[in-house]
Protein backbone atom coordinates (compact mmCIF):
# COMPACT_ATOMS: atom_id res chain seq x y z
CA MET A 1 36.57 4.41 27.72
CA SER A 2 33.22 4.11 25.97
CA LYS A 3 30.65 1.64 27.28
CA TYR A 4 30.00 0.63 23.68
CA ARG A 5 32.24 -1.12 21.17
CA VAL A 6 31.71 -2.09 17.57
CA GLU A 7 32.36 -5.64 16.37
CA PRO A 8 31.90 -7.51 13.06
CA MET A 9 28.60 -9.34 12.70
CA PRO A 10 28.80 -13.09 13.37
CA PRO A 11 28.40 -15.03 10.09
CA GLY A 12 24.81 -16.12 9.54
CA ALA A 13 23.56 -14.24 12.60
CA ALA A 14 19.95 -15.11 13.41
CA GLU A 15 17.30 -12.87 14.95
CA GLU A 16 18.41 -13.62 18.54
CA GLY A 17 16.29 -10.96 20.21
CA PHE A 18 16.43 -8.46 17.32
CA PRO A 19 12.95 -8.75 15.74
CA GLU A 20 13.73 -6.09 13.11
CA TRP A 21 16.73 -8.04 11.83
CA ASP A 22 14.78 -10.18 9.39
CA ALA A 23 11.27 -8.77 9.59
CA HIS A 24 10.99 -7.74 5.93
CA PRO A 25 12.68 -9.17 2.82
CA LEU A 26 14.04 -5.78 1.72
CA ARG A 27 15.65 -5.08 5.08
CA GLY A 28 16.76 -8.59 6.01
CA GLY A 29 18.57 -11.64 4.80
CA PHE A 30 16.82 -11.83 1.43
CA ALA A 31 18.13 -8.42 0.35
CA ALA A 32 21.54 -9.31 1.75
CA ARG A 33 21.58 -12.33 -0.55
CA LEU A 34 19.94 -10.83 -3.65
CA TYR A 35 21.34 -7.34 -3.92
CA PRO A 36 25.04 -8.28 -4.21
CA THR A 37 24.07 -9.73 -7.61
CA VAL A 38 22.72 -6.35 -8.81
CA ALA A 39 24.91 -3.86 -6.91
CA PRO A 40 28.46 -5.27 -7.12
CA ALA A 41 30.00 -1.85 -6.46
CA HIS A 42 28.91 -2.14 -2.83
CA THR A 43 30.86 -3.90 -0.07
CA ASP A 44 29.30 -5.18 3.12
CA CYS A 45 30.16 -3.29 6.31
CA SER A 46 27.54 -4.74 8.66
CA VAL A 47 28.53 -4.67 12.34
CA GLN A 48 27.01 -4.83 15.80
CA VAL A 49 27.36 -2.62 18.84
CA ILE A 50 28.12 -4.31 22.16
CA GLY A 51 26.89 -2.58 25.30
CA PRO A 52 27.42 -3.31 29.00
CA THR A 53 25.07 -6.32 28.86
CA GLY A 54 25.81 -7.63 25.36
CA PRO A 55 24.74 -6.81 21.77
CA VAL A 56 22.37 -3.84 21.73
CA VAL A 57 22.36 -2.65 18.08
CA ARG A 58 22.88 -4.44 14.77
CA ILE A 59 23.65 -2.67 11.51
CA ARG A 60 22.93 -3.94 8.02
CA ALA A 61 24.94 -1.64 5.74
CA THR A 62 27.20 -1.48 2.72
CA MET A 63 29.72 1.01 1.40
CA GLY A 64 28.82 2.01 -2.15
CA PRO A 65 29.39 4.86 -4.56
CA GLY A 66 29.21 8.06 -2.51
CA GLU A 67 27.33 6.67 0.45
CA ILE A 68 26.78 4.08 3.12
CA SER A 69 23.41 2.42 2.58
CA PHE A 70 22.27 -1.20 2.28
CA TRP A 71 22.97 -2.20 -1.31
CA GLY A 72 21.37 1.11 -2.33
CA LEU A 73 18.41 0.63 0.01
CA PRO A 74 18.28 2.47 3.35
CA ALA A 75 20.58 0.90 5.93
CA LEU A 76 18.97 -0.90 8.87
CA LEU A 77 19.90 -0.13 12.48
CA ALA A 78 18.06 -2.69 14.61
CA SER A 79 18.06 -2.24 18.36
CA LYS A 80 17.30 -4.90 20.96
CA PRO A 81 13.87 -3.93 22.31
CA ASP A 82 14.32 -5.45 25.77
CA ALA A 83 17.57 -3.56 26.43
CA GLU A 84 17.50 -0.60 28.80
CA PRO A 85 16.44 2.59 26.99
CA LYS A 86 19.71 4.32 27.92
CA HIS A 87 21.70 1.48 26.38
CA ILE A 88 19.58 1.54 23.22
CA LYS A 89 20.18 5.26 22.84
CA GLY A 90 23.87 4.90 23.63
CA GLY A 91 24.24 1.98 21.24
CA LEU A 92 22.50 3.84 18.42
CA ALA A 93 24.68 6.89 18.97
CA ALA A 94 27.78 4.67 18.85
CA ALA A 95 26.46 3.07 15.65
CA LEU A 96 25.98 6.45 13.97
CA ASP A 97 29.45 7.56 15.11
CA HIS A 98 30.96 4.40 13.64
CA LEU A 99 29.14 4.77 10.30
CA THR A 100 30.08 8.44 10.08
CA GLU A 101 33.76 7.71 10.63
CA ALA A 102 33.66 4.79 8.19
CA ALA A 103 32.09 7.04 5.54
CA LYS A 104 34.68 9.74 6.04
CA ALA A 105 37.51 7.22 5.90
CA GLY A 106 36.11 5.84 2.64
CA GLY A 107 35.69 9.27 1.05
CA LEU A 108 31.89 8.97 1.11
CA THR A 109 29.59 11.92 1.67
CA ARG A 110 26.43 10.60 3.29
CA LEU A 111 24.60 7.93 5.24
CA VAL A 112 21.20 6.64 4.04
CA ILE A 113 19.22 5.05 6.86
CA GLY A 114 15.62 3.88 7.20
CA THR A 115 13.27 4.05 10.18
CA GLU A 116 9.59 3.36 10.75
CA ALA A 117 7.26 6.35 10.55
CA HIS A 118 4.98 6.18 13.57
CA SER A 119 3.79 8.30 16.48
CA ARG A 120 5.75 6.40 19.12
CA PRO A 121 9.04 7.91 20.30
CA ASP A 122 11.88 6.61 18.15
CA PRO A 123 15.37 7.12 19.57
CA LEU A 124 17.06 6.55 16.21
CA ALA A 125 14.85 9.06 14.40
CA ALA A 126 15.48 11.56 17.19
CA LEU A 127 19.25 11.09 16.93
CA LEU A 128 19.18 11.47 13.15
CA ALA A 129 17.06 14.62 13.35
CA ASP A 130 19.36 16.08 16.03
CA ARG A 131 22.38 15.43 13.80
CA GLY A 132 20.79 17.34 10.94
CA ALA A 133 19.60 14.45 8.77
CA GLU A 134 16.89 15.10 6.20
CA GLY A 135 13.94 12.72 6.23
CA ALA A 136 11.57 11.83 3.39
CA ILE A 137 8.46 9.67 3.72
CA GLN A 138 8.31 6.48 1.67
CA ALA A 139 4.91 4.82 1.29
CA SER A 140 4.09 1.28 0.23
CA ALA A 141 0.76 -0.42 -0.40
CA GLN A 142 0.29 -3.01 2.34
CA LEU A 143 -2.45 -5.42 3.34
CA ASP A 144 -3.23 -6.54 6.86
CA LEU A 145 -3.65 -10.29 6.35
CA THR A 146 -5.08 -10.77 9.84
CA ARG A 147 -8.32 -9.23 8.54
CA PRO A 148 -11.04 -11.61 7.27
CA GLU A 149 -10.94 -12.46 3.58
CA GLU A 150 -14.26 -10.68 3.10
CA ALA A 151 -12.74 -7.44 4.41
CA LEU A 152 -9.72 -7.79 2.14
CA ARG A 153 -11.96 -8.45 -0.85
CA ALA A 154 -14.14 -5.44 -0.03
CA ASP A 155 -11.00 -3.26 -0.12
CA ILE A 156 -10.29 -4.09 -3.77
CA ARG A 157 -11.02 -1.31 -6.26
CA ASP A 158 -14.55 -1.88 -7.64
CA SER A 159 -13.41 -2.13 -11.24
CA TYR A 160 -10.83 -4.79 -10.31
CA ARG A 161 -13.37 -7.31 -9.06
CA SER A 162 -14.67 -8.18 -12.51
CA LEU A 163 -11.08 -8.30 -13.82
CA THR A 164 -10.18 -10.70 -11.05
CA ASN A 165 -13.18 -12.84 -11.93
CA TRP A 166 -12.07 -12.90 -15.59
CA GLY A 167 -8.67 -14.23 -14.53
CA SER A 168 -10.19 -16.93 -12.37
CA ARG A 169 -12.10 -18.21 -15.43
CA ASN A 170 -9.40 -17.83 -18.08
CA LEU A 171 -6.00 -18.31 -16.45
CA ARG A 172 -4.50 -21.55 -15.22
CA LEU A 173 -2.06 -20.91 -12.39
CA ALA A 174 0.90 -23.14 -11.56
CA PHE A 175 2.79 -22.69 -8.29
CA ILE A 176 6.46 -23.43 -7.71
CA ASN A 177 7.25 -23.68 -4.00
CA ALA A 178 8.92 -25.92 -1.43
CA GLU A 179 6.20 -28.54 -1.88
CA ASN A 180 6.55 -28.38 -5.68
CA PRO A 181 10.17 -27.40 -6.46
CA ASP A 182 9.75 -27.84 -10.20
CA ARG A 183 12.98 -26.48 -11.69
CA ALA A 184 11.79 -26.82 -15.28
CA GLN A 185 8.80 -24.58 -14.59
CA PHE A 186 10.94 -22.19 -12.55
CA ASP A 187 13.28 -21.79 -15.52
CA LEU A 188 10.37 -20.54 -17.62
CA PHE A 189 10.31 -17.33 -15.58
CA PRO A 190 13.80 -15.90 -16.37
CA ASP A 191 13.23 -16.47 -20.09
CA PHE A 192 9.76 -14.92 -19.89
CA HIS A 193 11.17 -11.98 -17.91
CA ALA A 194 13.89 -11.44 -20.54
CA ARG A 195 11.39 -11.54 -23.40
CA ILE A 196 9.09 -8.97 -21.81
CA ALA A 197 11.98 -6.75 -20.68
CA GLY A 198 13.57 -6.81 -24.14
CA GLY A 199 16.65 -8.74 -23.11
CA ARG A 200 18.12 -10.64 -20.20
CA ARG A 201 18.96 -8.08 -17.51
CA ARG A 202 19.73 -10.44 -14.63
CA GLY A 203 22.38 -13.10 -14.40
CA GLU A 204 22.12 -16.70 -13.29
CA ASP A 205 23.36 -15.73 -9.81
CA TYR A 206 20.32 -13.44 -9.42
CA TRP A 207 17.80 -16.15 -10.31
CA ALA A 208 19.67 -18.69 -8.15
CA ILE A 209 18.80 -16.60 -5.08
CA TYR A 210 15.09 -16.86 -5.86
CA TRP A 211 15.39 -20.60 -6.48
CA ASN A 212 17.09 -21.09 -3.13
CA GLU A 213 14.42 -19.02 -1.36
CA ILE A 214 11.74 -21.21 -2.93
CA LYS A 215 13.48 -24.44 -1.88
CA ALA A 216 13.89 -23.04 1.65
CA GLY A 217 10.15 -22.39 1.92
CA GLN A 218 10.56 -18.59 1.95
CA ALA A 219 9.14 -17.80 -1.48
CA GLU A 220 6.62 -18.91 -4.07
CA MET A 221 6.48 -18.41 -7.83
CA ALA A 222 3.21 -18.36 -9.76
CA LEU A 223 2.92 -18.81 -13.54
CA GLY A 224 -0.26 -17.94 -15.42
CA PHE A 225 -1.20 -19.68 -18.67
CA LEU A 226 -4.01 -19.08 -21.14
CA GLU A 227 -6.19 -22.00 -22.19
CA ASP A 228 -3.89 -22.73 -25.15
CA GLY A 229 -0.89 -23.06 -22.82
CA THR A 230 0.65 -19.64 -23.57
CA LEU A 231 2.58 -18.23 -20.61
CA VAL A 232 1.31 -14.67 -20.06
CA ALA A 233 1.92 -13.93 -16.37
CA GLY A 234 4.48 -14.64 -13.70
CA SER A 235 5.11 -13.40 -10.18
CA ILE A 236 7.34 -14.14 -7.20
CA VAL A 237 6.42 -13.51 -3.57
CA VAL A 238 9.15 -13.67 -0.91
CA TRP A 239 8.61 -13.55 2.84
CA ALA A 240 10.50 -12.92 6.04
CA GLY A 241 9.15 -12.84 9.56
CA VAL A 242 5.41 -12.32 9.13
CA THR A 243 5.66 -10.16 6.01
CA ALA A 244 5.22 -11.27 2.39
CA TYR A 245 6.70 -9.05 -0.31
CA TYR A 246 5.58 -8.88 -3.94
CA ALA A 247 9.10 -9.13 -5.32
CA SER A 248 8.46 -9.51 -9.05
CA GLY A 249 5.52 -9.40 -11.43
CA VAL A 250 5.83 -9.86 -15.19
CA TYR A 251 2.94 -9.81 -17.65
CA ASP A 252 2.84 -10.21 -21.43
CA ARG A 253 2.39 -6.69 -22.86
CA ASP A 254 1.19 -8.13 -26.15
CA GLN A 255 -1.81 -9.54 -24.28
CA PHE A 256 -2.76 -6.35 -22.40
CA ASP A 257 -6.23 -6.40 -23.90
CA LYS A 258 -6.75 -8.98 -21.13
CA PRO A 259 -6.51 -8.29 -17.36
CA LEU A 260 -3.57 -10.60 -16.72
CA GLY A 261 -2.27 -9.38 -13.37
CA HIS A 262 -5.34 -9.16 -11.18
CA TRP A 263 -6.16 -12.81 -10.54
CA PRO A 264 -2.54 -13.96 -9.97
CA LEU A 265 -1.92 -11.16 -7.48
CA TRP A 266 -5.17 -11.67 -5.59
CA THR A 267 -4.42 -15.40 -5.41
CA ALA A 268 -0.92 -14.66 -4.09
CA ILE A 269 -2.44 -12.48 -1.36
CA LEU A 270 -4.85 -15.23 -0.29
CA ARG A 271 -2.12 -17.88 -0.33
CA ALA A 272 0.09 -15.69 1.88
CA LYS A 273 -2.80 -15.35 4.31
CA GLU A 274 -3.34 -19.12 4.32
CA THR A 275 0.36 -19.60 5.06
CA GLY A 276 -0.11 -17.61 8.28
CA LEU A 277 1.67 -14.43 7.24
CA GLU A 278 0.29 -11.21 8.69
CA ARG A 279 1.25 -8.56 6.12
CA PHE A 280 1.47 -8.41 2.34
CA ASP A 281 3.67 -5.60 1.03
CA LEU A 282 2.96 -4.73 -2.60
CA GLY A 283 5.93 -2.37 -2.81
CA GLU A 284 6.65 1.33 -2.83
CA ILE A 285 4.24 3.96 -4.11
CA PRO A 286 6.58 6.62 -5.52
CA ALA A 287 5.88 10.31 -5.12
CA ARG A 288 4.92 12.30 -8.21
CA GLY A 289 7.95 13.90 -9.77
CA HIS A 290 10.12 10.98 -8.63
CA ALA A 291 8.81 8.29 -10.99
CA ASP A 292 8.24 7.73 -14.69
CA ASP A 293 4.88 6.94 -16.30
CA LYS A 294 5.43 3.18 -16.05
CA GLU A 295 6.17 3.39 -12.31
CA ILE A 296 3.11 5.58 -11.76
CA SER A 297 0.97 3.03 -13.64
CA ILE A 298 2.37 0.15 -11.55
CA ALA A 299 1.65 2.10 -8.36
CA PHE A 300 -1.95 2.65 -9.50
CA PHE A 301 -2.31 -1.10 -10.04
CA LYS A 302 -0.96 -1.85 -6.55
CA ARG A 303 -3.23 0.69 -4.86
CA GLY A 304 -6.23 -1.05 -6.38
CA PHE A 305 -5.81 -4.00 -4.01
CA THR A 306 -5.77 -2.17 -0.71
CA SER A 307 -6.37 1.13 1.04
CA GLY A 308 -3.71 0.13 3.58
CA ARG A 309 -0.38 1.94 3.59
CA ASN A 310 2.91 1.44 5.37
CA PHE A 311 5.09 4.50 5.92
CA ARG A 312 8.83 4.66 6.52
CA ILE A 313 11.32 7.49 6.66
CA ARG A 314 14.40 7.54 4.45
CA TRP A 315 17.00 9.64 6.24
CA VAL A 316 20.02 11.19 4.52
CA LEU A 317 22.77 12.37 6.84
CA GLY A 318 25.68 14.26 5.35
CA VAL A 319 29.09 13.45 6.80
C-alpha cells in the first residue's frame, strides 16, 4: 500500500504551513474566485496528498477543455517546506500520478503545471523533466518593494519620469479600498472598461469578485480624472501574501495624446510599498511571436517601470 493518499481539499483551506498556497493572486485564492467567472468550462479538481505525517502536497487545478490546468493558468502543486525531502518527493510523485490518471479518465491529453525558475534544486521540476514534460520560461516585470523609493524611482525608464510628473500635475486620483469602500465610484470602472473595450465583456459576477477583494482589504482601485472631471484612467491592484499584482489597467484611448498611465501606476507601486508588501508584479512579458502588437506595446509600458524580472516555468506534460 502506498504511503501517500489523495483527498479532497478542505473547504476554505488556509495556508497552514504551505506558503505557496496563497503567495500570488494568480496562483492562489483570488484566481480561484475570479477565473470561474471567465472560464466556466473548467471544473475544480483541487486535492491534497497526505503522507505519513500529514498533508505534504496541495494541488490547485481544474479540468478544462483538453487539459488539466488552473482555470487555464498553470496548475499549482505546493509542497510543505518543512516536510522531509523524501516525503515531499513522494507526495509530488503521487500528485502527478493522480493528475495523470484523472486526465486520462476525463479524456484529456495534457497537464499544464507551473514552477519557479531558479538555480536551487526543485523536486517538482525534476519529476516533470524526468517524465518528459516540456518547459517554457514565462517572464513578468516585477519590482522589489523592499528597496528604497529612490532606487525604485531610479529604475524607471528615463523618458517616463517627465510623463509621471505630468500626471502628478494634471490627474486627480481617487482610491477605492477597505478604508473608502465607495460603491458608486467603484461602479464607474466597469462602465469605463466597457466603453474603452467596445462593449461589456465581463459580467456582474466578475466585478463582484473585485468588489469583495476591495472590501476584504486585499485590493485597491484607482480612478484618474482630468481637471474637468473626465474619467480617463482606472486600475486595480490585488494582493496575496507579500505580492501585489497589477490586475487591470484601463486608459481612455481618445486621450492618448496625454500620458495617462504613468502616474497612476507609479502611485500604485508606492502605495503597495507603504502597505508593507514586498513585491509588485506588473504581469507577464510575452515572447515575440506569441503576442499581438497591443500586447507587445503593453509589455513595453510595463518594462519601463523596472529592470526586475520574475521567471517561472510553464510545463506541459502529455498523458
